[in-house]
Amino acid sequence: MEKNWLKTAVSVTMSGEGHEEGLKRSFGNMPETVTDDQIKGLGSVLEAVSKDKFDFATVTTTEKVVNN
């Protein structure tokens, strides 16, 4: 089987006043590999430009799997 990377997306969930259960922000066009430091950095930037707290992120990678 051959795997070919197609795309990676990151969804960041943040909580704050008015959305205590969490608000999801999604980002596409991410690099194939996303590191922990990059995710922490993205969360820090979002916290800096909002009053919200970074709770967690979900990384989704889409691959095409070819049966050789």
PDB file of N, CA and C in Angstrom:
ATOM      1  N   MET A   1       0.849  -1.174   0.000  1.00  0.00           N
ATOM      2  CA  MET A   1       0.000   0.000   0.000  1.00  0.00           C
ATOM      3  C   MET A   1       0.893   1.235   0.000  1.00  0.00           C
ATOM      4  N   GLU A   2       0.481   2.215  -0.745  1.00  0.00           N
ATOM      5  CA  GLU A   2       1.220   3.473  -0.828  1.00  0.00           C
ATOM      6  C   GLU A   2       0.339   4.593  -0.294  1.00  0.00           C
ATOM      7  N   LYS A   3       0.908   5.418   0.584  1.00  0.00           N
ATOM      8  CA  LYS A   3       0.168   6.539   1.154  1.00  0.00           C
ATOM      9  C   LYS A   3       0.708   7.841   0.586  1.00  0.00           C
ATOM     10  N   ASN A   4      -0.207   8.704   0.159  1.00  0.00           N
ATOM     11  CA  ASN A   4       0.155  10.022  -0.351  1.00  0.00           C
ATOM     12  C   ASN A   4      -0.585  11.078   0.458  1.00  0.00           C
ATOM     13  N   TRP A   5       0.172  11.983   1.074  1.00  0.00           N
ATOM     14  CA  TRP A   5      -0.421  13.053   1.872  1.00  0.00           C
ATOM     15  C   TRP A   5      -1.198  13.996   0.968  1.00  0.00           C
ATOM     16  N   LEU A   6      -2.398  14.391   1.397  1.00  0.00           N
ATOM     17  CA  LEU A   6      -3.212  15.337   0.650  1.00  0.00           C
ATOM     18  C   LEU A   6      -3.331  16.676   1.364  1.00  0.00           C
ATOM     19  N   LYS A   7      -3.665  16.641   2.666  1.00  0.00           N
ATOM     20  CA  LYS A   7      -3.829  17.898   3.398  1.00  0.00           C
ATOM     21  C   LYS A   7      -3.802  17.654   4.897  1.00  0.00           C
ATOM     22  N   THR A   8      -3.524  18.727   5.625  1.00  0.00           N
ATOM     23  CA  THR A   8      -3.560  18.713   7.085  1.00  0.00           C
ATOM     24  C   THR A   8      -4.335  19.941   7.539  1.00  0.00           C
ATOM     25  N   ALA A   9      -5.175  19.769   8.535  1.00  0.00           N
ATOM     26  CA  ALA A   9      -5.944  20.870   9.112  1.00  0.00           C
ATOM     27  C   ALA A   9      -5.808  20.819  10.631  1.00  0.00           C
ATOM     28  N   VAL A  10      -5.923  21.993  11.261  1.00  0.00           N
ATOM     29  CA  VAL A  10      -5.878  22.087  12.716  1.00  0.00           C
ATOM     30  C   VAL A  10      -7.128  22.818  13.183  1.00  0.00           C
ATOM     31  N   SER A  11      -7.851  22.223  14.124  1.00  0.00           N
ATOM     32  CA  SER A  11      -8.988  22.868  14.772  1.00  0.00           C
ATOM     33  C   SER A  11      -8.588  23.160  16.208  1.00  0.00           C
ATOM     34  N   VAL A  12      -8.712  24.420  16.591  1.00  0.00           N
ATOM     35  CA  VAL A  12      -8.337  24.860  17.931  1.00  0.00           C
ATOM     36  C   VAL A  12      -9.616  25.164  18.702  1.00  0.00           C
ATOM     37  N   THR A  13      -9.763  24.587  19.893  1.00  0.00           N
ATOM     38  CA  THR A  13     -10.916  24.858  20.738  1.00  0.00           C
ATOM     39  C   THR A  13     -10.482  25.773  21.869  1.00  0.00           C
ATOM     40  N   MET A  14     -11.236  26.879  22.009  1.00  0.00           N
ATOM     41  CA  MET A  14     -10.924  27.881  23.029  1.00  0.00           C
ATOM     42  C   MET A  14     -12.186  28.162  23.828  1.00  0.00           C
ATOM     43  N   SER A  15     -12.004  28.499  25.098  1.00  0.00           N
ATOM     44  CA  SER A  15     -13.146  28.822  25.945  1.00  0.00           C
ATOM     45  C   SER A  15     -12.996  30.239  26.469  1.00  0.00           C
ATOM     46  N   GLY A  16     -14.141  30.841  26.739  1.00  0.00           N
ATOM     47  CA  GLY A  16     -14.137  32.203  27.247  1.00  0.00           C
ATOM     48  C   GLY A  16     -15.551  32.635  27.585  1.00  0.00           C
ATOM     49  N   GLU A  17     -15.687  33.898  27.910  1.00  0.00           N
ATOM     50  CA  GLU A  17     -16.981  34.447  28.287  1.00  0.00           C
ATOM     51  C   GLU A  17     -17.969  34.313  27.129  1.00  0.00           C
ATOM     52  N   GLY A  18     -19.100  33.693  27.402  1.00  0.00           N
ATOM     53  CA  GLY A  18     -20.122  33.506  26.386  1.00  0.00           C
ATOM     54  C   GLY A  18     -20.014  32.189  25.639  1.00  0.00           C
ATOM     55  N   HIS A  19     -18.903  31.510  25.768  1.00  0.00           N
ATOM     56  CA  HIS A  19     -18.731  30.186  25.152  1.00  0.00           C
ATOM     57  C   HIS A  19     -17.835  29.332  26.050  1.00  0.00           C
ATOM     58  N   GLU A  20     -18.336  29.119  27.260  1.00  0.00           N
ATOM     59  CA  GLU A  20     -17.604  28.376  28.284  1.00  0.00           C
ATOM     60  C   GLU A  20     -17.356  26.922  27.879  1.00  0.00           C
ATOM     61  N   GLU A  21     -18.233  26.367  27.049  1.00  0.00           N
ATOM     62  CA  GLU A  21     -18.085  24.975  26.611  1.00  0.00           C
ATOM     63  C   GLU A  21     -17.090  24.840  25.467  1.00  0.00           C
ATOM     64  N   GLY A  22     -16.658  25.946  24.920  1.00  0.00           N
ATOM     65  CA  GLY A  22     -15.650  25.914  23.863  1.00  0.00           C
ATOM     66  C   GLY A  22     -16.153  26.429  22.529  1.00  0.00           C
ATOM     67  N   LEU A  23     -15.264  27.121  21.840  1.00  0.00           N
ATOM     68  CA  LEU A  23     -15.512  27.653  20.508  1.00  0.00           C
ATOM     69  C   LEU A  23     -14.399  27.134  19.618  1.00  0.00           C
ATOM     70  N   LYS A  24     -14.776  26.553  18.478  1.00  0.00           N
ATOM     71  CA  LYS A  24     -13.783  25.926  17.607  1.00  0.00           C
ATOM     72  C   LYS A  24     -13.406  26.871  16.471  1.00  0.00           C
ATOM     73  N   ARG A  25     -12.098  27.004  16.245  1.00  0.00           N
ATOM     74  CA  ARG A  25     -11.570  27.758  15.107  1.00  0.00           C
ATOM     75  C   ARG A  25     -10.756  26.780  14.269  1.00  0.00           C
ATOM     76  N   SER A  26     -11.001  26.759  12.964  1.00  0.00           N
ATOM     77  CA  SER A  26     -10.336  25.792  12.092  1.00  0.00           C
ATOM     78  C   SER A  26      -9.389  26.487  11.123  1.00  0.00           C
ATOM     79  N   PHE A  27      -8.266  25.825  10.863  1.00  0.00           N
ATOM     80  CA  PHE A  27      -7.239  26.349   9.968  1.00  0.00           C
ATOM     81  C   PHE A  27      -6.838  25.255   8.989  1.00  0.00           C
ATOM     82  N   GLY A  28      -6.950  25.533   7.704  1.00  0.00           N
ATOM     83  CA  GLY A  28      -6.540  24.594   6.667  1.00  0.00           C
ATOM     84  C   GLY A  28      -5.186  25.000   6.110  1.00  0.00           C
ATOM     85  N   ASN A  29      -4.774  24.317   5.072  1.00  0.00           N
ATOM     86  CA  ASN A  29      -3.498  24.611   4.405  1.00  0.00           C
ATOM     87  C   ASN A  29      -2.320  24.568   5.362  1.00  0.00           C
ATOM     88  N   MET A  30      -2.343  23.627   6.273  1.00  0.00           N
ATOM     89  CA  MET A  30      -1.245  23.455   7.220  1.00  0.00           C
ATOM     90  C   MET A  30      -0.185  22.547   6.599  1.00  0.00           C
ATOM     91  N   PRO A  31       1.054  22.611   7.118  1.00  0.00           N
ATOM     92  CA  PRO A  31       2.092  21.717   6.588  1.00  0.00           C
ATOM     93  C   PRO A  31       1.762  20.253   6.896  1.00  0.00           C
ATOM     94  N   GLU A  32       2.424  19.361   6.188  1.00  0.00           N
ATOM     95  CA  GLU A  32       2.160  17.929   6.353  1.00  0.00           C
ATOM     96  C   GLU A  32       2.348  17.481   7.797  1.00  0.00           C
ATOM     97  N   THR A  33       3.395  17.961   8.433  1.00  0.00           N
ATOM     98  CA  THR A  33       3.676  17.623   9.826  1.00  0.00           C
ATOM     99  C   THR A  33       3.545  18.884  10.670  1.00  0.00           C
ATOM    100  N   VAL A  34       2.716  18.824  11.702  1.00  0.00           N
ATOM    101  CA  VAL A  34       2.530  19.948  12.621  1.00  0.00           C
ATOM    102  C   VAL A  34       3.090  19.524  13.973  1.00  0.00           C
ATOM    103  N   THR A  35       4.031  20.312  14.506  1.00  0.00           N
ATOM    104  CA  THR A  35       4.682  19.952  15.762  1.00  0.00           C
ATOM    105  C   THR A  35       3.900  20.478  16.963  1.00  0.00           C
ATOM    106  N   ASP A  36       4.207  19.927  18.130  1.00  0.00           N
ATOM    107  CA  ASP A  36       3.603  20.410  19.379  1.00  0.00           C
ATOM    108  C   ASP A  36       3.901  21.889  19.586  1.00  0.00           C
ATOM    109  N   ASP A  37       5.137  22.298  19.306  1.00  0.00           N
ATOM    110  CA  ASP A  37       5.519  23.701  19.490  1.00  0.00           C
ATOM    111  C   ASP A  37       4.722  24.621  18.569  1.00  0.00           C
ATOM    112  N   GLN A  38       4.452  24.188  17.344  1.00  0.00           N
ATOM    113  CA  GLN A  38       3.655  24.997  16.425  1.00  0.00           C
ATOM    114  C   GLN A  38       2.223  25.140  16.924  1.00  0.00           C
ATOM    115  N   ILE A  39       1.665  24.068  17.458  1.00  0.00           N
ATOM    116  CA  ILE A  39       0.301  24.126  17.986  1.00  0.00           C
ATOM    117  C   ILE A  39       0.246  25.029  19.215  1.00  0.00           C
ATOM    118  N   LYS A  40       1.221  24.891  20.106  1.00  0.00           N
ATOM    119  CA  LYS A  40       1.277  25.763  21.287  1.00  0.00           C
ATOM    120  C   LYS A  40       1.421  27.219  20.867  1.00  0.00           C
ATOM    121  N   GLY A  41       2.249  27.473  19.852  1.00  0.00           N
ATOM    122  CA  GLY A  41       2.439  28.833  19.353  1.00  0.00           C
ATOM    123  C   GLY A  41       1.159  29.408  18.780  1.00  0.00           C
ATOM    124  N   LEU A  42       0.425  28.610  18.014  1.00  0.00           N
ATOM    125  CA  LEU A  42      -0.850  29.055  17.462  1.00  0.00           C
ATOM    126  C   LEU A  42      -1.830  29.375  18.586  1.00  0.00           C
ATOM    127  N   GLY A  43      -1.892  28.514  19.594  1.00  0.00           N
ATOM    128  CA  GLY A  43      -2.761  28.767  20.743  1.00  0.00           C
ATOM    129  C   GLY A  43      -2.384  30.043  21.471  1.00  0.00           C
ATOM    130  N   SER A  44      -1.096  30.288  21.626  1.00  0.00           N
ATOM    131  CA  SER A  44      -0.622  31.506  22.300  1.00  0.00           C
ATOM    132  C   SER A  44      -0.997  32.759  21.519  1.00  0.00           C
ATOM    133  N   VAL A  45      -0.855  32.704  20.198  1.00  0.00           N
ATOM    134  CA  VAL A  45      -1.222  33.854  19.360  1.00  0.00           C
ATOM    135  C   VAL A  45      -2.716  34.130  19.474  1.00  0.00           C
ATOM    136  N   LEU A  46      -3.527  33.078  19.422  1.00  0.00           N
ATOM    137  CA  LEU A  46      -4.974  33.264  19.528  1.00  0.00           C
ATOM    138  C   LEU A  46      -5.371  33.813  20.893  1.00  0.00           C
ATOM    139  N   GLU A  47      -4.695  33.362  21.951  1.00  0.00           N
ATOM    140  CA  GLU A  47      -4.957  33.916  23.284  1.00  0.00           C
ATOM    141  C   GLU A  47      -4.576  35.390  23.341  1.00  0.00           C
ATOM    142  N   ALA A  48      -3.493  35.764  22.661  1.00  0.00           N
ATOM    143  CA  ALA A  48      -3.010  37.147  22.700  1.00  0.00           C
ATOM    144  C   ALA A  48      -3.964  38.112  21.993  1.00  0.00           C
ATOM    145  N   VAL A  49      -4.675  37.632  20.972  1.00  0.00           N
ATOM    146  CA  VAL A  49      -5.559  38.522  20.215  1.00  0.00           C
ATOM    147  C   VAL A  49      -7.026  38.393  20.632  1.00  0.00           C
ATOM    148  N   SER A  50      -7.293  37.592  21.652  1.00  0.00           N
ATOM    149  CA  SER A  50      -8.658  37.440  22.152  1.00  0.00           C
ATOM    150  C   SER A  50      -8.615  37.364  23.676  1.00  0.00           C
ATOM    151  N   LYS A  51      -9.781  37.291  24.266  1.00  0.00           N
ATOM    152  CA  LYS A  51      -9.863  37.130  25.720  1.00  0.00           C
ATOM    153  C   LYS A  51     -10.068  35.667  26.091  1.00  0.00           C
ATOM    154  N   ASP A  52      -9.923  34.786  25.108  1.00  0.00           N
ATOM    155  CA  ASP A  52     -10.205  33.367  25.298  1.00  0.00           C
ATOM    156  C   ASP A  52      -8.970  32.593  25.741  1.00  0.00           C
ATOM    157  N   LYS A  53      -9.218  31.378  26.260  1.00  0.00           N
ATOM    158  CA  LYS A  53      -8.155  30.479  26.720  1.00  0.00           C
ATOM    159  C   LYS A  53      -8.071  29.290  25.765  1.00  0.00           C
ATOM    160  N   PHE A  54      -6.857  28.975  25.332  1.00  0.00           N
ATOM    161  CA  PHE A  54      -6.608  27.824  24.460  1.00  0.00           C
ATOM    162  C   PHE A  54      -6.791  26.555  25.276  1.00  0.00           C
ATOM    163  N   ASP A  55      -7.735  25.689  24.868  1.00  0.00           N
ATOM    164  CA  ASP A  55      -8.011  24.445  25.582  1.00  0.00           C
ATOM    165  C   ASP A  55      -7.304  23.250  24.946  1.00  0.00           C
ATOM    166  N   PHE A  56      -7.565  23.011  23.661  1.00  0.00           N
ATOM    167  CA  PHE A  56      -6.921  21.885  22.977  1.00  0.00           C
ATOM    168  C   PHE A  56      -7.025  22.071  21.467  1.00  0.00           C
ATOM    169  N   ALA A  57      -6.264  21.267  20.746  1.00  0.00           N
ATOM    170  CA  ALA A  57      -6.288  21.289  19.283  1.00  0.00           C
ATOM    171  C   ALA A  57      -6.490  19.874  18.757  1.00  0.00           C
ATOM    172  N   THR A  58      -7.132  19.793  17.607  1.00  0.00           N
ATOM    173  CA  THR A  58      -7.310  18.530  16.904  1.00  0.00           C
ATOM    174  C   THR A  58      -6.635  18.662  15.546  1.00  0.00           C
ATOM    175  N   VAL A  59      -5.701  17.761  15.259  1.00  0.00           N
ATOM    176  CA  VAL A  59      -4.990  17.770  13.982  1.00  0.00           C
ATOM    177  C   VAL A  59      -5.566  16.651  13.121  1.00  0.00           C
ATOM    178  N   THR A  60      -5.994  17.004  11.915  1.00  0.00           N
ATOM    179  CA  THR A  60      -6.563  16.036  10.986  1.00  0.00           C
ATOM    180  C   THR A  60      -5.705  15.990   9.728  1.00  0.00           C
ATOM    181  N   THR A  61      -5.213  14.802   9.407  1.00  0.00           N
ATOM    182  CA  THR A  61      -4.409  14.599   8.204  1.00  0.00           C
ATOM    183  C   THR A  61      -5.180  13.697   7.252  1.00  0.00           C
ATOM    184  N   THR A  62      -5.249  14.102   5.995  1.00  0.00           N
ATOM    185  CA  THR A  62      -5.922  13.316   4.973  1.00  0.00           C
ATOM    186  C   THR A  62      -4.881  12.736   4.031  1.00  0.00           C
ATOM    187  N   GLU A  63      -4.957  11.430   3.840  1.00  0.00           N
ATOM    188  CA  GLU A  63      -4.026  10.735   2.954  1.00  0.00           C
ATOM    189  C   GLU A  63      -4.804   9.910   1.937  1.00  0.00           C
ATOM    190  N   LYS A  64      -4.229   9.781   0.763  1.00  0.00           N
ATOM    191  CA  LYS A  64      -4.764   8.878  -0.247  1.00  0.00           C
ATOM    192  C   LYS A  64      -3.982   7.578  -0.128  1.00  0.00           C
ATOM    193  N   VAL A  65      -4.677   6.466   0.058  1.00  0.00           N
ATOM    194  CA  VAL A  65      -4.031   5.164   0.197  1.00  0.00           C
ATOM    195  C   VAL A  65      -4.307   4.369  -1.080  1.00  0.00           C
ATOM    196  N   VAL A  66      -3.219   4.008  -1.762  1.00  0.00           N
ATOM    197  CA  VAL A  66      -3.325   3.300  -3.035  1.00  0.00           C
ATOM    198  C   VAL A  66      -2.917   1.848  -2.831  1.00  0.00           C
ATOM    199  N   ASN A  67      -3.743   0.944  -3.296  1.00  0.00           N
ATOM    200  CA  ASN A  67      -3.448  -0.483  -3.218  1.00  0.00           C
ATOM    201  C   ASN A  67      -2.581  -0.856  -4.417  1.00  0.00           C
ATOM    202  N   ASN A  68      -1.331  -1.151  -4.164  1.00  0.00           N
ATOM    203  CA  ASN A  68      -0.403  -1.502  -5.253  1.00  0.00           C
ATOM    204  C   ASN A  68      -0.552  -2.938  -5.659  1.00  0.00           C
TER     205      ASN A  68
END
